[in-house]
N, C-alpha and C. Protein backbone atom coordinates (compact mmCIF):
# COMPACT_ATOMS: atom_id res chain seq x y z
N UNK A 1 114.70 67.53 181.02
CA UNK A 1 114.15 68.74 180.47
C UNK A 1 112.68 68.84 180.87
N UNK A 2 112.26 70.02 181.31
CA UNK A 2 110.86 70.19 181.73
C UNK A 2 109.96 70.49 180.52
N UNK A 3 108.67 70.50 180.76
CA UNK A 3 107.68 70.67 179.70
C UNK A 3 107.82 72.02 179.00
N UNK A 4 108.01 73.09 179.76
CA UNK A 4 108.13 74.42 179.18
C UNK A 4 109.36 74.52 178.28
N UNK A 5 110.48 74.00 178.74
CA UNK A 5 111.70 74.02 177.93
C UNK A 5 111.51 73.22 176.65
N UNK A 6 110.88 72.07 176.77
CA UNK A 6 110.62 71.24 175.59
C UNK A 6 109.74 71.99 174.60
N UNK A 7 108.68 72.61 175.08
CA UNK A 7 107.78 73.37 174.20
C UNK A 7 108.52 74.51 173.50
N UNK A 8 109.35 75.21 174.23
CA UNK A 8 110.10 76.32 173.63
C UNK A 8 111.07 75.84 172.55
N UNK A 9 111.72 74.73 172.81
CA UNK A 9 112.70 74.21 171.85
C UNK A 9 112.03 73.64 170.59
N UNK A 10 110.81 73.18 170.72
CA UNK A 10 110.12 72.59 169.58
C UNK A 10 109.26 73.57 168.79
N UNK A 11 109.00 74.74 169.34
CA UNK A 11 108.09 75.70 168.71
C UNK A 11 108.53 76.06 167.29
N UNK A 12 109.75 76.49 167.11
CA UNK A 12 110.20 76.89 165.78
C UNK A 12 110.27 75.73 164.80
N UNK A 13 110.87 74.60 165.17
CA UNK A 13 110.90 73.49 164.21
C UNK A 13 109.51 73.01 163.79
N UNK A 14 108.60 72.91 164.74
CA UNK A 14 107.24 72.47 164.40
C UNK A 14 106.55 73.52 163.54
N UNK A 15 106.70 74.78 163.88
CA UNK A 15 106.09 75.85 163.10
C UNK A 15 106.61 75.89 161.68
N UNK A 16 107.91 75.81 161.52
CA UNK A 16 108.52 75.87 160.19
C UNK A 16 108.22 74.63 159.36
N UNK A 17 108.41 73.47 159.95
CA UNK A 17 108.19 72.23 159.21
C UNK A 17 106.71 72.07 158.86
N UNK A 18 105.84 72.35 159.81
CA UNK A 18 104.40 72.21 159.56
C UNK A 18 103.88 73.14 158.49
N UNK A 19 104.43 74.33 158.40
CA UNK A 19 103.98 75.31 157.40
C UNK A 19 104.55 75.06 156.02
N UNK A 20 105.58 74.26 155.94
CA UNK A 20 106.30 74.11 154.68
C UNK A 20 105.39 73.68 153.52
N UNK A 21 104.51 72.73 153.76
CA UNK A 21 103.66 72.25 152.65
C UNK A 21 102.69 73.33 152.19
N UNK A 22 102.25 74.21 153.10
CA UNK A 22 101.32 75.26 152.72
C UNK A 22 101.98 76.30 151.83
N UNK A 23 103.30 76.42 151.93
CA UNK A 23 104.04 77.39 151.14
C UNK A 23 104.64 76.77 149.88
N UNK A 24 104.50 75.48 149.72
CA UNK A 24 105.06 74.76 148.58
C UNK A 24 104.17 74.99 147.35
N UNK A 25 104.76 75.43 146.25
CA UNK A 25 103.98 75.73 145.04
C UNK A 25 103.18 74.52 144.57
N UNK A 26 103.74 73.34 144.73
CA UNK A 26 103.06 72.15 144.24
C UNK A 26 101.76 71.88 145.00
N UNK A 27 101.62 72.43 146.19
CA UNK A 27 100.39 72.24 146.96
C UNK A 27 99.19 72.77 146.20
N UNK A 28 99.31 73.96 145.66
CA UNK A 28 98.17 74.57 144.96
C UNK A 28 97.77 73.75 143.73
N UNK A 29 98.76 73.26 142.98
CA UNK A 29 98.46 72.43 141.82
C UNK A 29 97.79 71.12 142.21
N UNK A 30 98.31 70.49 143.22
CA UNK A 30 97.75 69.21 143.68
C UNK A 30 96.34 69.40 144.23
N UNK A 31 96.12 70.50 144.95
CA UNK A 31 94.78 70.78 145.49
C UNK A 31 93.77 70.96 144.36
N UNK A 32 94.16 71.66 143.30
CA UNK A 32 93.27 71.85 142.15
C UNK A 32 92.94 70.50 141.51
N UNK A 33 93.93 69.62 141.41
CA UNK A 33 93.69 68.28 140.86
C UNK A 33 92.67 67.50 141.69
N UNK A 34 92.66 67.75 142.98
CA UNK A 34 91.76 67.03 143.89
C UNK A 34 90.38 67.68 144.01
N UNK A 35 90.18 68.83 143.34
CA UNK A 35 88.87 69.46 143.33
C UNK A 35 88.73 70.74 144.11
N UNK A 36 89.79 71.17 144.78
CA UNK A 36 89.73 72.46 145.49
C UNK A 36 89.88 73.59 144.48
N UNK A 37 89.40 74.79 144.80
CA UNK A 37 89.56 75.91 143.89
C UNK A 37 91.03 76.33 143.79
N UNK A 38 91.33 77.20 142.87
CA UNK A 38 92.71 77.67 142.72
C UNK A 38 92.98 78.85 143.64
N UNK A 39 94.25 79.12 143.88
CA UNK A 39 94.67 80.28 144.65
C UNK A 39 94.34 80.19 146.13
N UNK A 40 94.14 81.36 146.74
CA UNK A 40 93.90 81.42 148.17
C UNK A 40 92.66 80.65 148.65
N UNK A 41 91.58 80.58 147.86
CA UNK A 41 90.45 79.77 148.32
C UNK A 41 90.84 78.31 148.58
N UNK A 42 91.80 77.80 147.83
CA UNK A 42 92.29 76.44 148.06
C UNK A 42 92.90 76.34 149.46
N UNK A 43 93.73 77.30 149.79
CA UNK A 43 94.37 77.35 151.11
C UNK A 43 93.31 77.46 152.21
N UNK A 44 92.39 78.39 152.04
CA UNK A 44 91.37 78.63 153.07
C UNK A 44 90.48 77.41 153.26
N UNK A 45 89.94 76.89 152.16
CA UNK A 45 89.03 75.75 152.27
C UNK A 45 89.76 74.49 152.71
N UNK A 46 91.02 74.35 152.31
CA UNK A 46 91.79 73.18 152.72
C UNK A 46 92.19 73.22 154.17
N UNK A 47 92.86 74.29 154.55
CA UNK A 47 93.37 74.38 155.92
C UNK A 47 92.25 74.40 156.95
N UNK A 48 91.20 75.14 156.67
CA UNK A 48 90.10 75.28 157.63
C UNK A 48 89.02 74.22 157.44
N UNK A 49 89.01 73.56 156.30
CA UNK A 49 87.99 72.56 156.02
C UNK A 49 88.03 71.35 156.93
N UNK A 50 89.15 71.15 157.60
CA UNK A 50 89.24 70.02 158.54
C UNK A 50 88.25 70.19 159.70
N UNK A 51 87.73 71.41 159.88
CA UNK A 51 86.72 71.65 160.93
C UNK A 51 85.35 71.15 160.50
N UNK A 52 85.20 70.82 159.22
CA UNK A 52 83.92 70.37 158.70
C UNK A 52 83.21 71.48 157.95
N UNK A 53 81.95 71.27 157.69
CA UNK A 53 81.15 72.21 156.91
C UNK A 53 80.58 73.30 157.82
N UNK A 54 81.47 74.10 158.36
CA UNK A 54 81.09 75.17 159.28
C UNK A 54 80.77 76.44 158.49
N UNK A 55 80.23 77.43 159.15
CA UNK A 55 79.90 78.70 158.50
C UNK A 55 81.16 79.50 158.20
N UNK A 56 81.01 80.48 157.33
CA UNK A 56 82.13 81.37 157.01
C UNK A 56 82.59 82.13 158.25
N UNK A 57 81.64 82.49 159.12
CA UNK A 57 82.01 83.18 160.37
C UNK A 57 82.87 82.29 161.26
N UNK A 58 82.51 81.01 161.36
CA UNK A 58 83.30 80.08 162.17
C UNK A 58 84.69 79.89 161.57
N UNK A 59 84.76 79.82 160.25
CA UNK A 59 86.06 79.69 159.59
C UNK A 59 86.92 80.93 159.85
N UNK A 60 86.31 82.10 159.72
CA UNK A 60 87.05 83.35 159.95
C UNK A 60 87.49 83.47 161.41
N UNK A 61 86.65 83.02 162.33
CA UNK A 61 87.03 83.04 163.75
C UNK A 61 88.26 82.17 163.99
N UNK A 62 88.31 81.01 163.34
CA UNK A 62 89.46 80.11 163.52
C UNK A 62 90.73 80.70 162.91
N UNK A 63 90.57 81.49 161.86
CA UNK A 63 91.72 82.12 161.20
C UNK A 63 91.93 83.52 161.77
N UNK A 64 91.96 83.60 163.05
CA UNK A 64 91.99 84.83 163.85
C UNK A 64 92.95 85.90 163.34
N UNK A 65 94.13 85.52 162.91
CA UNK A 65 95.14 86.50 162.52
C UNK A 65 95.04 86.93 161.06
N UNK A 66 94.10 86.37 160.32
CA UNK A 66 93.92 86.70 158.91
C UNK A 66 92.76 87.67 158.74
N UNK A 67 92.76 88.39 157.65
CA UNK A 67 91.68 89.30 157.31
C UNK A 67 90.37 88.52 157.15
N UNK A 68 89.35 88.92 157.89
CA UNK A 68 88.07 88.21 157.85
C UNK A 68 87.46 88.20 156.45
N UNK A 69 87.58 89.31 155.75
CA UNK A 69 87.02 89.39 154.40
C UNK A 69 87.68 88.40 153.46
N UNK A 70 89.00 88.27 153.57
CA UNK A 70 89.73 87.33 152.72
C UNK A 70 89.31 85.89 153.05
N UNK A 71 89.20 85.59 154.33
CA UNK A 71 88.82 84.23 154.74
C UNK A 71 87.39 83.94 154.29
N UNK A 72 86.48 84.88 154.49
CA UNK A 72 85.09 84.68 154.07
C UNK A 72 85.00 84.46 152.57
N UNK A 73 85.69 85.29 151.79
CA UNK A 73 85.67 85.14 150.32
C UNK A 73 86.24 83.78 149.91
N UNK A 74 87.33 83.38 150.54
CA UNK A 74 87.93 82.08 150.23
C UNK A 74 87.04 80.93 150.61
N UNK A 75 86.38 81.05 151.75
CA UNK A 75 85.51 79.99 152.25
C UNK A 75 84.28 79.83 151.35
N UNK A 76 83.78 80.96 150.85
CA UNK A 76 82.55 80.94 150.06
C UNK A 76 82.81 80.76 148.56
N UNK A 77 84.06 80.69 148.14
CA UNK A 77 84.39 80.51 146.72
C UNK A 77 83.83 79.18 146.22
N UNK A 78 83.43 79.18 144.95
CA UNK A 78 82.90 77.95 144.35
C UNK A 78 83.91 76.82 144.41
N UNK A 79 83.40 75.64 144.71
CA UNK A 79 84.26 74.46 144.83
C UNK A 79 83.42 73.22 144.56
N UNK A 80 84.01 72.24 143.92
CA UNK A 80 83.32 70.98 143.64
C UNK A 80 83.19 70.11 144.89
N UNK A 81 83.94 70.43 145.92
CA UNK A 81 83.97 69.63 147.15
C UNK A 81 83.23 70.36 148.27
N UNK A 82 82.71 69.61 149.22
CA UNK A 82 82.22 70.24 150.44
C UNK A 82 83.45 70.74 151.20
N UNK A 83 83.24 71.57 152.18
CA UNK A 83 84.39 72.08 152.93
C UNK A 83 85.09 70.96 153.68
N UNK A 84 84.34 70.01 154.22
CA UNK A 84 84.99 68.89 154.92
C UNK A 84 85.76 68.01 153.94
N UNK A 85 85.24 67.81 152.74
CA UNK A 85 85.99 67.06 151.72
C UNK A 85 87.25 67.81 151.32
N UNK A 86 87.15 69.14 151.26
CA UNK A 86 88.33 69.96 150.96
C UNK A 86 89.39 69.83 152.03
N UNK A 87 88.96 69.79 153.28
CA UNK A 87 89.90 69.60 154.39
C UNK A 87 90.60 68.26 154.30
N UNK A 88 89.84 67.22 153.96
CA UNK A 88 90.44 65.88 153.82
C UNK A 88 91.43 65.85 152.66
N UNK A 89 91.09 66.52 151.56
CA UNK A 89 92.01 66.57 150.41
C UNK A 89 93.29 67.32 150.78
N UNK A 90 93.15 68.41 151.52
CA UNK A 90 94.31 69.20 151.93
C UNK A 90 95.21 68.39 152.87
N UNK A 91 94.60 67.63 153.76
CA UNK A 91 95.37 66.77 154.66
C UNK A 91 96.11 65.70 153.88
N UNK A 92 95.50 65.20 152.82
CA UNK A 92 96.17 64.22 151.95
C UNK A 92 97.40 64.84 151.30
N UNK A 93 97.26 66.07 150.80
CA UNK A 93 98.39 66.77 150.20
C UNK A 93 99.48 66.99 151.26
N UNK A 94 99.07 67.36 152.46
CA UNK A 94 100.00 67.55 153.57
C UNK A 94 100.84 66.30 153.79
N UNK A 95 100.18 65.16 153.92
CA UNK A 95 100.89 63.90 154.17
C UNK A 95 101.77 63.51 152.98
N UNK A 96 101.26 63.72 151.77
CA UNK A 96 102.04 63.37 150.57
C UNK A 96 103.34 64.17 150.50
N UNK A 97 103.24 65.47 150.70
CA UNK A 97 104.46 66.29 150.67
C UNK A 97 105.35 66.00 151.86
N UNK A 98 104.74 65.69 152.99
CA UNK A 98 105.51 65.33 154.18
C UNK A 98 106.39 64.12 153.94
N UNK A 99 105.90 63.19 153.16
CA UNK A 99 106.72 62.01 152.82
C UNK A 99 107.99 62.43 152.09
N UNK A 100 107.85 63.42 151.24
CA UNK A 100 109.01 63.93 150.51
C UNK A 100 109.97 64.65 151.46
N UNK A 101 109.42 65.50 152.31
CA UNK A 101 110.25 66.27 153.24
C UNK A 101 110.98 65.38 154.24
N UNK A 102 110.34 64.32 154.67
CA UNK A 102 110.92 63.45 155.70
C UNK A 102 111.57 62.19 155.13
N UNK A 103 111.69 62.14 153.82
CA UNK A 103 112.29 60.96 153.18
C UNK A 103 113.68 60.68 153.78
N UNK A 104 113.88 59.45 154.18
CA UNK A 104 115.16 59.04 154.75
C UNK A 104 115.32 59.34 156.23
N UNK A 105 114.31 59.95 156.84
CA UNK A 105 114.38 60.26 158.27
C UNK A 105 114.04 59.01 159.06
N UNK A 106 115.01 58.46 159.75
CA UNK A 106 114.84 57.21 160.49
C UNK A 106 113.96 57.34 161.73
N UNK A 107 113.77 58.55 162.22
CA UNK A 107 113.00 58.74 163.44
C UNK A 107 111.53 59.04 163.22
N UNK A 108 111.02 58.82 162.01
CA UNK A 108 109.64 59.19 161.70
C UNK A 108 108.62 58.44 162.56
N UNK A 109 108.84 57.16 162.77
CA UNK A 109 107.88 56.38 163.58
C UNK A 109 107.82 56.91 165.01
N UNK A 110 108.97 57.17 165.59
CA UNK A 110 109.02 57.70 166.97
C UNK A 110 108.41 59.10 167.02
N UNK A 111 108.73 59.91 166.03
CA UNK A 111 108.18 61.26 165.96
C UNK A 111 106.65 61.20 165.88
N UNK A 112 106.13 60.34 165.02
CA UNK A 112 104.68 60.20 164.89
C UNK A 112 104.05 59.74 166.20
N UNK A 113 104.68 58.79 166.87
CA UNK A 113 104.15 58.29 168.14
C UNK A 113 104.11 59.39 169.21
N UNK A 114 105.18 60.16 169.29
CA UNK A 114 105.24 61.23 170.30
C UNK A 114 104.22 62.33 170.01
N UNK A 115 104.13 62.74 168.75
CA UNK A 115 103.16 63.78 168.39
C UNK A 115 101.73 63.28 168.61
N UNK A 116 101.47 62.02 168.28
CA UNK A 116 100.14 61.46 168.51
C UNK A 116 99.80 61.46 170.00
N UNK A 117 100.77 61.13 170.83
CA UNK A 117 100.53 61.12 172.28
C UNK A 117 100.18 62.51 172.78
N UNK A 118 100.89 63.52 172.29
CA UNK A 118 100.60 64.90 172.69
C UNK A 118 99.20 65.31 172.24
N UNK A 119 98.92 65.09 170.97
CA UNK A 119 97.63 65.51 170.42
C UNK A 119 96.46 64.75 171.02
N UNK A 120 96.62 63.46 171.19
CA UNK A 120 95.52 62.65 171.71
C UNK A 120 95.21 62.96 173.17
N UNK A 121 96.18 63.49 173.89
CA UNK A 121 95.98 63.84 175.30
C UNK A 121 95.57 65.30 175.49
N UNK A 122 95.69 66.11 174.45
CA UNK A 122 95.44 67.55 174.56
C UNK A 122 93.95 67.85 174.72
N UNK A 123 93.66 68.84 175.54
CA UNK A 123 92.30 69.35 175.69
C UNK A 123 91.98 70.16 174.44
N UNK A 124 90.98 69.76 173.71
CA UNK A 124 90.64 70.42 172.45
C UNK A 124 89.44 71.36 172.61
N UNK A 125 89.13 71.73 173.84
CA UNK A 125 88.03 72.67 174.07
C UNK A 125 88.37 74.02 173.44
N UNK A 126 87.49 74.50 172.59
CA UNK A 126 87.67 75.82 172.00
C UNK A 126 88.71 75.89 170.91
N UNK A 127 89.20 74.76 170.44
CA UNK A 127 90.24 74.76 169.40
C UNK A 127 89.82 73.82 168.26
N UNK A 128 88.72 74.17 167.60
CA UNK A 128 88.15 73.30 166.56
C UNK A 128 89.13 73.04 165.42
N UNK A 129 89.94 74.03 165.07
CA UNK A 129 90.90 73.84 163.98
C UNK A 129 91.92 72.77 164.35
N UNK A 130 92.46 72.84 165.53
CA UNK A 130 93.43 71.83 165.98
C UNK A 130 92.77 70.46 166.09
N UNK A 131 91.55 70.43 166.61
CA UNK A 131 90.83 69.16 166.73
C UNK A 131 90.57 68.56 165.35
N UNK A 132 90.25 69.40 164.39
CA UNK A 132 90.02 68.92 163.03
C UNK A 132 91.26 68.30 162.44
N UNK A 133 92.40 68.96 162.62
CA UNK A 133 93.66 68.39 162.11
C UNK A 133 94.02 67.11 162.87
N UNK A 134 93.82 67.10 164.18
CA UNK A 134 94.11 65.89 164.96
C UNK A 134 93.26 64.72 164.49
N UNK A 135 92.03 65.00 164.11
CA UNK A 135 91.08 63.95 163.77
C UNK A 135 91.07 63.55 162.30
N UNK A 136 91.91 64.17 161.47
CA UNK A 136 91.97 63.75 160.08
C UNK A 136 92.51 62.32 160.01
N UNK A 137 92.21 61.66 158.92
CA UNK A 137 92.69 60.28 158.74
C UNK A 137 94.21 60.26 158.79
N UNK A 138 94.74 59.43 159.67
CA UNK A 138 96.19 59.32 159.83
C UNK A 138 96.75 58.29 158.86
N UNK A 139 97.72 58.70 158.06
CA UNK A 139 98.31 57.77 157.10
C UNK A 139 98.93 56.56 157.81
N UNK A 140 98.93 55.41 157.15
CA UNK A 140 99.51 54.21 157.76
C UNK A 140 101.04 54.23 157.82
N UNK A 141 101.66 55.02 156.93
CA UNK A 141 103.13 55.07 156.91
C UNK A 141 103.65 56.12 157.89
N UNK A 142 104.81 55.85 158.44
CA UNK A 142 105.38 56.70 159.49
C UNK A 142 105.68 58.12 159.01
N UNK A 143 106.24 58.27 157.82
CA UNK A 143 106.62 59.62 157.37
C UNK A 143 105.39 60.48 157.10
N UNK A 144 104.40 59.93 156.42
CA UNK A 144 103.17 60.69 156.18
C UNK A 144 102.47 61.05 157.48
N UNK A 145 102.40 60.10 158.39
CA UNK A 145 101.76 60.32 159.69
C UNK A 145 102.54 61.34 160.52
N UNK A 146 103.85 61.23 160.54
CA UNK A 146 104.67 62.18 161.32
C UNK A 146 104.49 63.60 160.81
N UNK A 147 104.46 63.75 159.50
CA UNK A 147 104.31 65.11 158.96
C UNK A 147 102.91 65.65 159.23
N UNK A 148 101.89 64.84 158.99
CA UNK A 148 100.52 65.29 159.25
C UNK A 148 100.35 65.68 160.72
N UNK A 149 100.91 64.91 161.62
CA UNK A 149 100.79 65.22 163.05
C UNK A 149 101.64 66.42 163.44
N UNK A 150 102.72 66.68 162.70
CA UNK A 150 103.47 67.93 162.91
C UNK A 150 102.58 69.12 162.59
N UNK A 151 101.87 69.04 161.47
CA UNK A 151 100.96 70.11 161.09
C UNK A 151 99.84 70.25 162.12
N UNK A 152 99.31 69.15 162.60
CA UNK A 152 98.25 69.20 163.61
C UNK A 152 98.75 69.85 164.90
N UNK A 153 99.98 69.54 165.29
CA UNK A 153 100.58 70.14 166.49
C UNK A 153 100.79 71.63 166.29
N UNK A 154 101.19 72.00 165.09
CA UNK A 154 101.35 73.42 164.74
C UNK A 154 100.02 74.15 164.91
N UNK A 155 98.94 73.53 164.46
CA UNK A 155 97.63 74.16 164.59
C UNK A 155 97.19 74.24 166.05
N UNK A 156 97.55 73.26 166.86
CA UNK A 156 97.23 73.32 168.28
C UNK A 156 97.91 74.53 168.92
N UNK A 157 99.16 74.74 168.58
CA UNK A 157 99.90 75.90 169.10
C UNK A 157 99.22 77.20 168.68
N UNK A 158 98.86 77.30 167.39
CA UNK A 158 98.16 78.49 166.91
C UNK A 158 96.87 78.70 167.68
N UNK A 159 96.09 77.65 167.82
CA UNK A 159 94.79 77.77 168.50
C UNK A 159 94.94 78.20 169.95
N UNK A 160 95.97 77.73 170.61
CA UNK A 160 96.22 78.16 171.99
C UNK A 160 96.56 79.66 172.03
N UNK A 161 97.34 80.12 171.06
CA UNK A 161 97.64 81.56 170.98
C UNK A 161 96.35 82.36 170.78
N UNK A 162 95.48 81.87 169.92
CA UNK A 162 94.22 82.55 169.66
C UNK A 162 93.38 82.63 170.93
N UNK A 163 93.28 81.52 171.67
CA UNK A 163 92.51 81.53 172.92
C UNK A 163 93.05 82.57 173.90
N UNK A 164 94.36 82.62 174.02
CA UNK A 164 94.99 83.57 174.94
C UNK A 164 94.76 85.01 174.47
N UNK A 165 94.92 85.25 173.18
CA UNK A 165 94.73 86.59 172.64
C UNK A 165 93.29 87.06 172.84
N UNK A 166 92.35 86.18 172.59
CA UNK A 166 90.93 86.54 172.79
C UNK A 166 90.64 86.83 174.25
N UNK A 167 91.16 85.99 175.13
CA UNK A 167 90.93 86.19 176.57
C UNK A 167 91.51 87.51 177.05
N UNK A 168 92.60 87.92 176.44
CA UNK A 168 93.25 89.18 176.82
C UNK A 168 92.64 90.38 176.10
N UNK A 169 91.73 90.13 175.15
CA UNK A 169 91.11 91.22 174.41
C UNK A 169 92.06 91.90 173.44
N UNK A 170 93.05 91.16 172.98
CA UNK A 170 94.06 91.72 172.09
C UNK A 170 93.56 91.75 170.65
N UNK A 171 93.87 92.82 169.96
CA UNK A 171 93.53 92.97 168.56
C UNK A 171 94.48 92.13 167.70
N UNK A 172 93.96 91.27 166.82
CA UNK A 172 94.85 90.42 166.03
C UNK A 172 95.80 91.22 165.14
N UNK A 173 95.33 92.32 164.56
CA UNK A 173 96.21 93.13 163.71
C UNK A 173 97.34 93.73 164.53
N UNK A 174 97.03 94.17 165.72
CA UNK A 174 98.07 94.71 166.60
C UNK A 174 99.13 93.67 166.93
N UNK A 175 98.69 92.43 167.14
CA UNK A 175 99.65 91.36 167.43
C UNK A 175 100.55 91.08 166.23
N UNK A 176 99.96 91.07 165.04
CA UNK A 176 100.75 90.82 163.82
C UNK A 176 101.76 91.93 163.62
N UNK A 177 101.35 93.17 163.80
CA UNK A 177 102.25 94.30 163.59
C UNK A 177 103.33 94.40 164.66
N UNK A 178 103.06 93.85 165.83
CA UNK A 178 104.03 93.92 166.93
C UNK A 178 105.18 92.93 166.76
N UNK A 179 105.01 91.95 165.90
CA UNK A 179 106.04 90.91 165.73
C UNK A 179 107.22 91.44 164.97
């Protein structure tokens, strides 16, 4: 199987599996326990916080397909944690829920190794969000690591789409509506 075929076959599973924890109701509760704000600011500060303590404009740029006002409001919402601490907390929640999702999966170690190889070899120029997820602390256990790296790979795919859309001068709202 060639690289393009492999990428096409893995796009949906990685996208769906990686997003699962962000859509899980327990994520918001766990994030609040760890010091992130409630509601959408938790999502914004957690998901984008892996980039570090960047400006609201940088956060909104990374969240290309989302409303800038919503991202800015979420990024600037009061929080007991710095944005980078929020990103680390969100990554912890990601790995914790990933352990549940991948429980009993015998291929977790191999999956983690393969995803790590892809991410560690990837050019991260212009993709700070993907680099942030790649560089988060990797859990020592295979299931937590495999799930976290699935999410990091998902973000790499998103960031590549953003680079292409920007280069083409495409309007993000137009792209969302065209789907």
